[in-house]
Protein backbone atom coordinates (compact mmCIF):
# COMPACT_ATOMS: atom_id res chain seq x y z
CA MET A 1 -0.01 -0.06 0.02
CA THR A 2 1.32 3.43 -0.88
CA PHE A 3 1.42 6.34 1.51
CA SER A 4 -1.18 8.42 -0.28
CA PRO A 5 -4.21 6.09 0.46
CA LEU A 6 -3.14 5.85 4.07
CA LEU A 7 -2.97 9.54 4.27
CA GLN A 8 -6.12 10.03 2.27
CA GLU A 9 -7.91 7.88 4.81
CA ALA A 10 -6.39 9.84 7.71
CA ASN A 11 -7.49 13.07 5.97
CA ALA A 12 -11.00 11.79 5.51
CA GLN A 13 -11.28 10.81 9.11
CA LEU A 14 -9.91 14.19 10.32
CA GLU A 15 -12.14 16.14 7.89
CA GLY A 16 -15.19 14.15 8.97
CA PHE A 17 -14.37 14.98 12.64
CA LEU A 18 -13.74 18.64 11.90
CA SER A 19 -16.89 18.99 9.72
CA ARG A 20 -19.00 18.57 12.86
CA PHE A 21 -17.53 21.75 14.28
CA PRO A 22 -17.73 24.54 11.67
CA LEU A 23 -15.33 27.39 11.96
CA GLY A 24 -17.24 30.66 12.65
CA ALA A 25 -16.17 34.20 12.10
CA THR A 26 -14.51 34.30 15.53
CA GLY A 27 -12.98 30.84 15.27
CA TYR A 28 -14.09 27.54 16.71
CA ARG A 29 -16.59 27.99 19.54
CA GLY A 30 -15.21 25.02 21.32
CA SER A 31 -18.55 24.45 23.09
CA GLU A 32 -19.34 21.47 20.74
CA LEU A 33 -16.31 19.51 21.81
CA GLY A 34 -17.45 17.38 24.64
CA PRO A 35 -16.39 14.04 26.08
CA ASN A 36 -17.97 12.00 23.27
CA GLU A 37 -16.41 14.18 20.58
CA LEU A 38 -13.05 14.01 22.23
CA ARG A 39 -13.34 10.17 22.50
CA ASP A 40 -14.14 10.04 18.73
CA LEU A 41 -11.08 12.23 18.09
CA ARG A 42 -8.86 9.91 20.18
CA ARG A 43 -10.10 6.94 18.11
CA CYS A 44 -9.36 8.80 14.90
CA LEU A 45 -5.87 9.82 16.00
CA ASN A 46 -5.14 6.33 17.34
CA GLN A 47 -6.06 4.84 13.98
CA VAL A 48 -3.68 7.23 12.17
CA GLY A 49 -0.92 6.66 14.87
CA LEU A 50 -1.12 2.92 14.48
CA ARG A 51 -0.27 3.29 10.80
CA MET A 52 2.47 5.81 11.19
CA GLU A 53 5.29 3.31 11.19
CA GLU A 54 4.01 1.97 7.89
CA LEU A 55 3.72 5.45 6.64
CA ARG A 56 7.35 6.30 7.45
CA ARG A 57 8.65 3.48 5.28
CA VAL A 58 7.09 4.96 2.08
CA PRO A 59 9.28 7.22 -0.10
CA VAL A 60 8.79 10.92 0.32
CA GLY A 61 7.57 11.37 -3.25
CA ALA A 62 4.62 9.14 -2.66
CA ARG A 63 3.60 11.28 0.38
CA GLU A 64 3.56 14.56 -1.48
CA PRO A 65 0.03 14.66 -2.78
CA GLU A 66 -1.76 14.44 0.57
CA LEU A 67 0.75 16.11 2.95
CA PRO A 68 -0.49 19.78 2.52
CA ARG A 69 -4.12 18.63 3.11
CA TYR A 70 -2.94 16.68 6.24
CA VAL A 71 -1.06 19.69 7.60
CA ARG A 72 -4.17 21.88 7.07
CA ASN A 73 -6.28 19.42 8.90
CA LEU A 74 -3.85 19.24 11.84
CA GLU A 75 -3.75 23.00 12.02
CA GLN A 76 -7.58 23.14 12.02
CA LEU A 77 -7.61 20.53 14.69
CA SER A 78 -5.19 22.60 16.70
CA ARG A 79 -7.40 25.57 16.58
CA ALA A 80 -10.48 23.53 17.57
CA LEU A 81 -8.65 21.94 20.53
CA LYS A 82 -7.41 25.38 21.72
CA ALA A 83 -10.97 26.72 21.60
CA ALA A 84 -12.14 23.72 23.59
CA GLN A 85 -9.43 24.16 26.10
CA GLN A 86 -10.39 27.83 26.58
CA ARG A 87 -14.00 26.78 27.14
CA LEU A 88 -13.08 24.11 29.58
CA THR A 89 -10.70 26.39 31.45
CA ALA A 90 -13.49 29.02 31.84
CA GLN A 91 -15.98 26.28 32.86
CA ARG A 92 -13.59 25.09 35.45
CA ALA A 93 -13.10 28.61 36.85
CA HIS A 94 -16.82 28.97 37.07
CA MET A 95 -17.26 25.60 38.89
CA ASP A 96 -14.43 26.51 41.30
CA ALA A 97 -16.17 29.80 42.11
CA GLN A 98 -19.42 28.03 42.76
CA ARG A 99 -17.71 25.46 44.92
CA ASP A 100 -16.09 28.30 47.02
CA ARG A 101 -19.65 29.83 47.20
CA VAL A 102 -21.10 26.65 48.54
CA ALA A 103 -18.19 26.19 51.00
CA ARG A 104 -18.76 29.72 52.39
CA ALA A 105 -22.49 29.09 52.63
CA LYS A 106 -21.90 25.84 54.47
CA ALA A 107 -19.40 27.51 56.86
CA TRP A 108 -21.95 30.18 57.59
CA VAL A 109 -24.62 27.54 58.39
CA ASN A 110 -22.25 25.74 60.65
CA SER A 111 -21.42 28.94 62.49
CA TYR A 112 -25.18 29.81 62.83
CA ARG A 113 -25.94 26.36 64.17
CA ALA A 114 -23.08 26.68 66.67
CA ILE A 115 -24.60 29.86 67.99
CA LEU A 116 -28.00 28.34 68.57
């Protein structure tokens, strides 16, 4: 098997994954990347990774047609993952703030009960 069909398959899988998360005017929203989507991405990348040794043995000339497309897909994936990371970081900060709020309320209730 030549490199191009393997890379074509990898590109098709990455493009299929990325097509579920359209790029808007301000970039990827990141809100659509949840646990199920990240699991799908991991499967996709694992499949590509399992074939990487086979891909390395193919002459460079056979790789040429699909490499620019593969690079573009990886760049798009990088942007989508950065957007998801930003969303998850913001969500974590919000959850931490809510957890602190609940802890303060619990401390207040315990102090109030101690007074009674």
